[in-house]
Every structure is written in C-alpha cells, then in structure tokens.
Amino acid sequence: MKKKIPPLDNIVYYSPGTRILWNGEPGVVHGLHIKPYPYQVGYDIVLDSQTRKNEPEIDNSGYNELVLEDSGLQSTDGYKVEPCEPM
C-alpha cells in the first residue's frame, strides 16, 4: 500500500528541531531544502543511533519517510514557504 503524501506545494511539516522517526530510527530535523519550484520540501535529519556513527546525517529526506517521535504519526500541521530563487 502506498503512503499518502500531502500536496507537493512547499509546505513545511517538520520544522528544524522537531523530534522525528526516520524509517523507524529516532533523530531530529536540523535543516530544510526549499526547492526552486513548487515541490515537496526536503528535510535534513541527524539520527541518534550509535549504529550510524559514520553516517549520522540524512540529507533531503522526504515527508513520507518521517513521523513524529512522540506519536508515531505523520505531521499534518504545516506552513507554506515560497520556492527559493534558482541559482
């Protein structure tokens, strides 16, 4: 069964500092990737797991890979951000 994801319109569902589970592994959002076009915001994650000492950071994770750590549910509260200017 495919996971339902929200519209791809640059809505931030996980702000930096949010405790999350990334594919079941605990961590925290520490950065955002705002696209230069209306698309899904990407998230940079730092994982807590000691088994990932050599690769603690996950760059540009998608919404469908994340849930809130405390509830285990995907965040549905968000705020819209404008696409960045292309370089």
PDB file of N, CA and C in Angstrom:
ATOM      1  N   MET A   1       0.840  -1.185   0.000  1.00  0.00           N
ATOM      2  CA  MET A   1       0.000   0.000   0.000  1.00  0.00           C
ATOM      3  C   MET A   1       0.884   1.247   0.000  1.00  0.00           C
ATOM      4  N   LYS A   2       0.609   2.154  -0.879  1.00  0.00           N
ATOM      5  CA  LYS A   2       1.401   3.372  -0.988  1.00  0.00           C
ATOM      6  C   LYS A   2       0.993   4.365   0.095  1.00  0.00           C
ATOM      7  N   LYS A   3       2.000   5.024   0.695  1.00  0.00           N
ATOM      8  CA  LYS A   3       1.708   6.029   1.716  1.00  0.00           C
ATOM      9  C   LYS A   3       1.151   7.279   1.059  1.00  0.00           C
ATOM     10  N   LYS A   4       0.115   7.831   1.667  1.00  0.00           N
ATOM     11  CA  LYS A   4      -0.457   9.073   1.152  1.00  0.00           C
ATOM     12  C   LYS A   4       0.431  10.237   1.588  1.00  0.00           C
ATOM     13  N   ILE A   5       0.781  11.080   0.635  1.00  0.00           N
ATOM     14  CA  ILE A   5       1.567  12.267   0.969  1.00  0.00           C
ATOM     15  C   ILE A   5       0.750  13.498   0.621  1.00  0.00           C
ATOM     16  N   PRO A   6       1.016  14.595   1.297  1.00  0.00           N
ATOM     17  CA  PRO A   6       0.244  15.825   1.066  1.00  0.00           C
ATOM     18  C   PRO A   6       0.601  16.438  -0.289  1.00  0.00           C
ATOM     19  N   PRO A   7      -0.136  17.435  -0.698  1.00  0.00           N
ATOM     20  CA  PRO A   7       0.181  18.100  -1.974  1.00  0.00           C
ATOM     21  C   PRO A   7       1.627  18.606  -1.993  1.00  0.00           C
ATOM     22  N   LEU A   8       2.235  18.549  -3.151  1.00  0.00           N
ATOM     23  CA  LEU A   8       3.641  18.940  -3.287  1.00  0.00           C
ATOM     24  C   LEU A   8       3.723  20.440  -3.529  1.00  0.00           C
ATOM     25  N   ASP A   9       3.528  21.208  -2.476  1.00  0.00           N
ATOM     26  CA  ASP A   9       3.466  22.660  -2.659  1.00  0.00           C
ATOM     27  C   ASP A   9       4.264  23.422  -1.603  1.00  0.00           C
ATOM     28  N   ASN A  10       5.462  22.908  -1.292  1.00  0.00           N
ATOM     29  CA  ASN A  10       6.377  23.588  -0.364  1.00  0.00           C
ATOM     30  C   ASN A  10       5.747  23.928   0.976  1.00  0.00           C
ATOM     31  N   ILE A  11       5.081  22.962   1.570  1.00  0.00           N
ATOM     32  CA  ILE A  11       4.608  23.122   2.946  1.00  0.00           C
ATOM     33  C   ILE A  11       5.597  22.422   3.867  1.00  0.00           C
ATOM     34  N   VAL A  12       6.052  23.133   4.891  1.00  0.00           N
ATOM     35  CA  VAL A  12       6.970  22.574   5.884  1.00  0.00           C
ATOM     36  C   VAL A  12       6.137  21.896   6.967  1.00  0.00           C
ATOM     37  N   TYR A  13       6.251  20.578   7.070  1.00  0.00           N
ATOM     38  CA  TYR A  13       5.526  19.824   8.088  1.00  0.00           C
ATOM     39  C   TYR A  13       6.392  19.520   9.306  1.00  0.00           C
ATOM     40  N   TYR A  14       7.701  19.587   9.159  1.00  0.00           N
ATOM     41  CA  TYR A  14       8.624  19.318  10.270  1.00  0.00           C
ATOM     42  C   TYR A  14       9.651  20.440  10.305  1.00  0.00           C
ATOM     43  N   SER A  15       9.524  21.337  11.260  1.00  0.00           N
ATOM     44  CA  SER A  15      10.469  22.452  11.399  1.00  0.00           C
ATOM     45  C   SER A  15      11.780  21.947  11.988  1.00  0.00           C
ATOM     46  N   PRO A  16      12.877  22.673  11.762  1.00  0.00           N
ATOM     47  CA  PRO A  16      14.135  22.316  12.422  1.00  0.00           C
ATOM     48  C   PRO A  16      13.932  22.229  13.932  1.00  0.00           C
ATOM     49  N   GLY A  17      14.514  21.204  14.528  1.00  0.00           N
ATOM     50  CA  GLY A  17      14.376  20.968  15.967  1.00  0.00           C
ATOM     51  C   GLY A  17      13.297  19.959  16.314  1.00  0.00           C
ATOM     52  N   THR A  18      12.482  19.568  15.343  1.00  0.00           N
ATOM     53  CA  THR A  18      11.409  18.604  15.597  1.00  0.00           C
ATOM     54  C   THR A  18      11.983  17.207  15.774  1.00  0.00           C
ATOM     55  N   ARG A  19      11.565  16.521  16.843  1.00  0.00           N
ATOM     56  CA  ARG A  19      11.963  15.127  17.068  1.00  0.00           C
ATOM     57  C   ARG A  19      11.133  14.236  16.152  1.00  0.00           C
ATOM     58  N   ILE A  20      11.812  13.369  15.404  1.00  0.00           N
ATOM     59  CA  ILE A  20      11.138  12.536  14.418  1.00  0.00           C
ATOM     60  C   ILE A  20      11.668  11.097  14.481  1.00  0.00           C
ATOM     61  N   LEU A  21      10.982  10.224  13.788  1.00  0.00           N
ATOM     62  CA  LEU A  21      11.496   8.904  13.456  1.00  0.00           C
ATOM     63  C   LEU A  21      11.656   8.868  11.944  1.00  0.00           C
ATOM     64  N   TRP A  22      12.856   8.537  11.493  1.00  0.00           N
ATOM     65  CA  TRP A  22      13.143   8.402  10.070  1.00  0.00           C
ATOM     66  C   TRP A  22      13.226   6.916   9.773  1.00  0.00           C
ATOM     67  N   ASN A  23      12.241   6.403   9.058  1.00  0.00           N
ATOM     68  CA  ASN A  23      12.179   4.959   8.794  1.00  0.00           C
ATOM     69  C   ASN A  23      12.400   4.151  10.073  1.00  0.00           C
ATOM     70  N   GLY A  24      11.799   4.628  11.173  1.00  0.00           N
ATOM     71  CA  GLY A  24      11.865   3.934  12.460  1.00  0.00           C
ATOM     72  C   GLY A  24      13.035   4.310  13.344  1.00  0.00           C
ATOM     73  N   GLU A  25      13.981   5.095  12.846  1.00  0.00           N
ATOM     74  CA  GLU A  25      15.140   5.490  13.645  1.00  0.00           C
ATOM     75  C   GLU A  25      14.941   6.889  14.219  1.00  0.00           C
ATOM     76  N   PRO A  26      15.202   7.067  15.542  1.00  0.00           N
ATOM     77  CA  PRO A  26      14.996   8.386  16.154  1.00  0.00           C
ATOM     78  C   PRO A  26      16.054   9.387  15.738  1.00  0.00           C
ATOM     79  N   GLY A  27      15.612  10.640  15.640  1.00  0.00           N
ATOM     80  CA  GLY A  27      16.527  11.718  15.294  1.00  0.00           C
ATOM     81  C   GLY A  27      15.836  13.062  15.399  1.00  0.00           C
ATOM     82  N   VAL A  28      16.464  14.068  14.805  1.00  0.00           N
ATOM     83  CA  VAL A  28      15.935  15.429  14.856  1.00  0.00           C
ATOM     84  C   VAL A  28      16.137  16.077  13.482  1.00  0.00           C
ATOM     85  N   VAL A  29      15.160  16.894  13.093  1.00  0.00           N
ATOM     86  CA  VAL A  29      15.285  17.680  11.862  1.00  0.00           C
ATOM     87  C   VAL A  29      16.237  18.839  12.156  1.00  0.00           C
ATOM     88  N   HIS A  30      17.262  19.021  11.328  1.00  0.00           N
ATOM     89  CA  HIS A  30      18.168  20.148  11.586  1.00  0.00           C
ATOM     90  C   HIS A  30      18.255  21.110  10.413  1.00  0.00           C
ATOM     91  N   GLY A  31      17.596  20.830   9.300  1.00  0.00           N
ATOM     92  CA  GLY A  31      17.623  21.764   8.187  1.00  0.00           C
ATOM     93  C   GLY A  31      16.546  21.424   7.167  1.00  0.00           C
ATOM     94  N   LEU A  32      16.271  22.385   6.300  1.00  0.00           N
ATOM     95  CA  LEU A  32      15.258  22.236   5.263  1.00  0.00           C
ATOM     96  C   LEU A  32      15.872  22.479   3.895  1.00  0.00           C
ATOM     97  N   HIS A  33      15.312  21.820   2.886  1.00  0.00           N
ATOM     98  CA  HIS A  33      15.669  22.088   1.492  1.00  0.00           C
ATOM     99  C   HIS A  33      14.438  22.674   0.826  1.00  0.00           C
ATOM    100  N   ILE A  34      14.476  23.973   0.548  1.00  0.00           N
ATOM    101  CA  ILE A  34      13.373  24.635  -0.140  1.00  0.00           C
ATOM    102  C   ILE A  34      13.691  24.598  -1.629  1.00  0.00           C
ATOM    103  N   LYS A  35      12.794  24.039  -2.410  1.00  0.00           N
ATOM    104  CA  LYS A  35      13.041  23.843  -3.839  1.00  0.00           C
ATOM    105  C   LYS A  35      12.840  25.150  -4.612  1.00  0.00           C
ATOM    106  N   PRO A  36      13.431  25.270  -5.800  1.00  0.00           N
ATOM    107  CA  PRO A  36      13.233  26.467  -6.624  1.00  0.00           C
ATOM    108  C   PRO A  36      11.960  26.381  -7.456  1.00  0.00           C
ATOM    109  N   TYR A  37      11.096  25.464  -7.143  1.00  0.00           N
ATOM    110  CA  TYR A  37       9.822  25.285  -7.845  1.00  0.00           C
ATOM    111  C   TYR A  37       8.850  24.694  -6.840  1.00  0.00           C
ATOM    112  N   PRO A  38       7.560  24.814  -7.055  1.00  0.00           N
ATOM    113  CA  PRO A  38       6.601  24.247  -6.095  1.00  0.00           C
ATOM    114  C   PRO A  38       6.736  22.726  -6.041  1.00  0.00           C
ATOM    115  N   TYR A  39       7.284  22.237  -4.977  1.00  0.00           N
ATOM    116  CA  TYR A  39       7.527  20.804  -4.812  1.00  0.00           C
ATOM    117  C   TYR A  39       7.630  20.511  -3.330  1.00  0.00           C
ATOM    118  N   GLN A  40       7.772  19.258  -3.003  1.00  0.00           N
ATOM    119  CA  GLN A  40       7.871  18.857  -1.608  1.00  0.00           C
ATOM    120  C   GLN A  40       9.159  19.375  -0.969  1.00  0.00           C
ATOM    121  N   VAL A  41       9.053  19.949   0.208  1.00  0.00           N
ATOM    122  CA  VAL A  41      10.222  20.395   0.970  1.00  0.00           C
ATOM    123  C   VAL A  41      11.031  19.163   1.387  1.00  0.00           C
ATOM    124  N   GLY A  42      12.349  19.266   1.332  1.00  0.00           N
ATOM    125  CA  GLY A  42      13.216  18.194   1.815  1.00  0.00           C
ATOM    126  C   GLY A  42      13.715  18.518   3.214  1.00  0.00           C
ATOM    127  N   TYR A  43      14.051  17.488   3.969  1.00  0.00           N
ATOM    128  CA  TYR A  43      14.481  17.635   5.359  1.00  0.00           C
ATOM    129  C   TYR A  43      15.849  17.015   5.556  1.00  0.00           C
ATOM    130  N   ASP A  44      16.723  17.704   6.303  1.00  0.00           N
ATOM    131  CA  ASP A  44      17.994  17.135   6.745  1.00  0.00           C
ATOM    132  C   ASP A  44      17.777  16.595   8.148  1.00  0.00           C
ATOM    133  N   ILE A  45      18.175  15.352   8.363  1.00  0.00           N
ATOM    134  CA  ILE A  45      17.937  14.664   9.628  1.00  0.00           C
ATOM    135  C   ILE A  45      19.274  14.274  10.240  1.00  0.00           C
ATOM    136  N   VAL A  46      19.412  14.444  11.548  1.00  0.00           N
ATOM    137  CA  VAL A  46      20.539  13.879  12.289  1.00  0.00           C
ATOM    138  C   VAL A  46      19.962  12.787  13.184  1.00  0.00           C
ATOM    139  N   LEU A  47      20.459  11.565  13.011  1.00  0.00           N
ATOM    140  CA  LEU A  47      19.947  10.421  13.760  1.00  0.00           C
ATOM    141  C   LEU A  47      20.681  10.257  15.084  1.00  0.00           C
ATOM    142  N   ASP A  48      19.969   9.702  16.069  1.00  0.00           N
ATOM    143  CA  ASP A  48      20.544   9.458  17.389  1.00  0.00           C
ATOM    144  C   ASP A  48      21.358   8.169  17.443  1.00  0.00           C
ATOM    145  N   SER A  49      21.030   7.224  16.591  1.00  0.00           N
ATOM    146  CA  SER A  49      21.533   5.862  16.677  1.00  0.00           C
ATOM    147  C   SER A  49      23.056   5.789  16.657  1.00  0.00           C
ATOM    148  N   GLN A  50      23.604   5.044  17.597  1.00  0.00           N
ATOM    149  CA  GLN A  50      25.051   4.831  17.632  1.00  0.00           C
ATOM    150  C   GLN A  50      25.508   3.887  16.529  1.00  0.00           C
ATOM    151  N   THR A  51      24.566   3.154  15.941  1.00  0.00           N
ATOM    152  CA  THR A  51      24.933   2.253  14.848  1.00  0.00           C
ATOM    153  C   THR A  51      25.216   3.040  13.571  1.00  0.00           C
ATOM    154  N   ARG A  52      24.883   4.322  13.566  1.00  0.00           N
ATOM    155  CA  ARG A  52      25.125   5.167  12.390  1.00  0.00           C
ATOM    156  C   ARG A  52      26.184   6.228  12.680  1.00  0.00           C
ATOM    157  N   LYS A  53      27.165   5.899  13.505  1.00  0.00           N
ATOM    158  CA  LYS A  53      28.199   6.863  13.867  1.00  0.00           C
ATOM    159  C   LYS A  53      28.907   7.438  12.644  1.00  0.00           C
ATOM    160  N   ASN A  54      29.103   6.624  11.615  1.00  0.00           N
ATOM    161  CA  ASN A  54      29.812   7.090  10.428  1.00  0.00           C
ATOM    162  C   ASN A  54      28.915   7.847   9.463  1.00  0.00           C
ATOM    163  N   GLU A  55      27.601   7.766   9.659  1.00  0.00           N
ATOM    164  CA  GLU A  55      26.670   8.445   8.756  1.00  0.00           C
ATOM    165  C   GLU A  55      25.436   8.905   9.544  1.00  0.00           C
ATOM    166  N   PRO A  56      25.628   9.844  10.483  1.00  0.00           N
ATOM    167  CA  PRO A  56      24.500  10.248  11.333  1.00  0.00           C
ATOM    168  C   PRO A  56      23.506  11.167  10.638  1.00  0.00           C
ATOM    169  N   GLU A  57      23.899  11.758   9.511  1.00  0.00           N
ATOM    170  CA  GLU A  57      23.058  12.759   8.871  1.00  0.00           C
ATOM    171  C   GLU A  57      22.431  12.201   7.604  1.00  0.00           C
ATOM    172  N   ILE A  58      21.129  12.412   7.468  1.00  0.00           N
ATOM    173  CA  ILE A  58      20.400  12.037   6.265  1.00  0.00           C
ATOM    174  C   ILE A  58      19.993  13.336   5.582  1.00  0.00           C
ATOM    175  N   ASP A  59      20.514  13.591   4.414  1.00  0.00           N
ATOM    176  CA  ASP A  59      20.206  14.820   3.689  1.00  0.00           C
ATOM    177  C   ASP A  59      18.988  14.625   2.795  1.00  0.00           C
ATOM    178  N   ASN A  60      18.105  15.597   2.838  1.00  0.00           N
ATOM    179  CA  ASN A  60      16.986  15.677   1.917  1.00  0.00           C
ATOM    180  C   ASN A  60      16.035  14.489   2.007  1.00  0.00           C
ATOM    181  N   SER A  61      15.634  14.161   3.209  1.00  0.00           N
ATOM    182  CA  SER A  61      14.605  13.149   3.420  1.00  0.00           C
ATOM    183  C   SER A  61      13.256  13.707   2.978  1.00  0.00           C
ATOM    184  N   GLY A  62      12.379  12.850   2.545  1.00  0.00           N
ATOM    185  CA  GLY A  62      11.043  13.271   2.134  1.00  0.00           C
ATOM    186  C   GLY A  62      10.027  13.133   3.254  1.00  0.00           C
ATOM    187  N   TYR A  63       8.914  13.812   3.106  1.00  0.00           N
ATOM    188  CA  TYR A  63       7.822  13.768   4.085  1.00  0.00           C
ATOM    189  C   TYR A  63       7.376  12.341   4.367  1.00  0.00           C
ATOM    190  N   ASN A  64       7.304  11.509   3.338  1.00  0.00           N
ATOM    191  CA  ASN A  64       6.763  10.166   3.507  1.00  0.00           C
ATOM    192  C   ASN A  64       7.678   9.242   4.309  1.00  0.00           C
ATOM    193  N   GLU A  65       8.925   9.666   4.601  1.00  0.00           N
ATOM    194  CA  GLU A  65       9.850   8.859   5.400  1.00  0.00           C
ATOM    195  C   GLU A  65       9.817   9.224   6.884  1.00  0.00           C
ATOM    196  N   LEU A  66       9.039  10.249   7.251  1.00  0.00           N
ATOM    197  CA  LEU A  66       9.084  10.777   8.611  1.00  0.00           C
ATOM    198  C   LEU A  66       7.757  10.634   9.340  1.00  0.00           C
ATOM    199  N   VAL A  67       7.871  10.423  10.671  1.00  0.00           N
ATOM    200  CA  VAL A  67       6.726  10.526  11.579  1.00  0.00           C
ATOM    201  C   VAL A  67       7.204  11.249  12.826  1.00  0.00           C
ATOM    202  N   LEU A  68       6.268  11.797  13.585  1.00  0.00           N
ATOM    203  CA  LEU A  68       6.617  12.450  14.843  1.00  0.00           C
ATOM    204  C   LEU A  68       7.038  11.386  15.857  1.00  0.00           C
ATOM    205  N   GLU A  69       8.117  11.656  16.588  1.00  0.00           N
ATOM    206  CA  GLU A  69       8.658  10.672  17.525  1.00  0.00           C
ATOM    207  C   GLU A  69       7.666  10.339  18.639  1.00  0.00           C
ATOM    208  N   ASP A  70       6.988  11.339  19.182  1.00  0.00           N
ATOM    209  CA  ASP A  70       6.126  11.090  20.337  1.00  0.00           C
ATOM    210  C   ASP A  70       4.843  10.340  19.996  1.00  0.00           C
ATOM    211  N   SER A  71       4.302  10.547  18.796  1.00  0.00           N
ATOM    212  CA  SER A  71       3.029   9.911  18.450  1.00  0.00           C
ATOM    213  C   SER A  71       3.169   8.782  17.428  1.00  0.00           C
ATOM    214  N   GLY A  72       4.251   8.794  16.649  1.00  0.00           N
ATOM    215  CA  GLY A  72       4.397   7.812  15.587  1.00  0.00           C
ATOM    216  C   GLY A  72       3.536   8.113  14.374  1.00  0.00           C
ATOM    217  N   LEU A  73       2.940   9.319  14.329  1.00  0.00           N
ATOM    218  CA  LEU A  73       2.081   9.718  13.223  1.00  0.00           C
ATOM    219  C   LEU A  73       2.753  10.792  12.382  1.00  0.00           C
ATOM    220  N   GLN A  74       2.379  10.865  11.101  1.00  0.00           N
ATOM    221  CA  GLN A  74       2.910  11.928  10.258  1.00  0.00           C
ATOM    222  C   GLN A  74       2.301  13.258  10.676  1.00  0.00           C
ATOM    223  N   SER A  75       3.102  14.310  10.620  1.00  0.00           N
ATOM    224  CA  SER A  75       2.614  15.650  10.936  1.00  0.00           C
ATOM    225  C   SER A  75       1.703  16.139   9.814  1.00  0.00           C
ATOM    226  N   THR A  76       0.591  16.741  10.204  1.00  0.00           N
ATOM    227  CA  THR A  76      -0.310  17.341   9.214  1.00  0.00           C
ATOM    228  C   THR A  76      -0.405  18.850   9.405  1.00  0.00           C
ATOM    229  N   ASP A  77       0.255  19.364  10.459  1.00  0.00           N
ATOM    230  CA  ASP A  77       0.317  20.817  10.668  1.00  0.00           C
ATOM    231  C   ASP A  77       1.522  21.341   9.905  1.00  0.00           C
ATOM    232  N   GLY A  78       1.315  22.378   9.134  1.00  0.00           N
ATOM    233  CA  GLY A  78       2.439  22.896   8.367  1.00  0.00           C
ATOM    234  C   GLY A  78       2.270  24.350   8.016  1.00  0.00           C
ATOM    235  N   TYR A  79       3.313  24.902   7.431  1.00  0.00           N
ATOM    236  CA  TYR A  79       3.262  26.281   6.972  1.00  0.00           C
ATOM    237  C   TYR A  79       3.923  26.357   5.605  1.00  0.00           C
ATOM    238  N   LYS A  80       3.361  27.173   4.753  1.00  0.00           N
ATOM    239  CA  LYS A  80       3.846  27.281   3.376  1.00  0.00           C
ATOM    240  C   LYS A  80       5.082  28.175   3.308  1.00  0.00           C
ATOM    241  N   VAL A  81       6.022  27.772   2.484  1.00  0.00           N
ATOM    242  CA  VAL A  81       7.204  28.586   2.215  1.00  0.00           C
ATOM    243  C   VAL A  81       7.262  28.836   0.720  1.00  0.00           C
ATOM    244  N   GLU A  82       7.789  29.987   0.359  1.00  0.00           N
ATOM    245  CA  GLU A  82       7.901  30.323  -1.064  1.00  0.00           C
ATOM    246  C   GLU A  82       9.079  29.558  -1.661  1.00  0.00           C
ATOM    247  N   PRO A  83       8.956  29.110  -2.915  1.00  0.00           N
ATOM    248  CA  PRO A  83      10.108  28.480  -3.566  1.00  0.00           C
ATOM    249  C   PRO A  83      11.299  29.431  -3.592  1.00  0.00           C
ATOM    250  N   CYS A  84      12.504  28.880  -3.466  1.00  0.00           N
ATOM    251  CA  CYS A  84      13.702  29.738  -3.499  1.00  0.00           C
ATOM    252  C   CYS A  84      13.981  30.143  -4.954  1.00  0.00           C
ATOM    253  N   GLU A  85      14.780  31.164  -5.096  1.00  0.00           N
ATOM    254  CA  GLU A  85      15.169  31.625  -6.430  1.00  0.00           C
ATOM    255  C   GLU A  85      16.208  30.647  -6.988  1.00  0.00           C
ATOM    256  N   PRO A  86      16.038  30.193  -8.232  1.00  0.00           N
ATOM    257  CA  PRO A  86      17.052  29.316  -8.811  1.00  0.00           C
ATOM    258  C   PRO A  86      18.393  30.028  -8.944  1.00  0.00           C
ATOM    259  N   MET A  87      19.464  29.286  -8.786  1.00  0.00           N
ATOM    260  CA  MET A  87      20.801  29.880  -8.842  1.00  0.00           C
ATOM    261  C   MET A  87      21.261  30.009 -10.269  1.00  0.00           C
TER     262      MET A  87
END
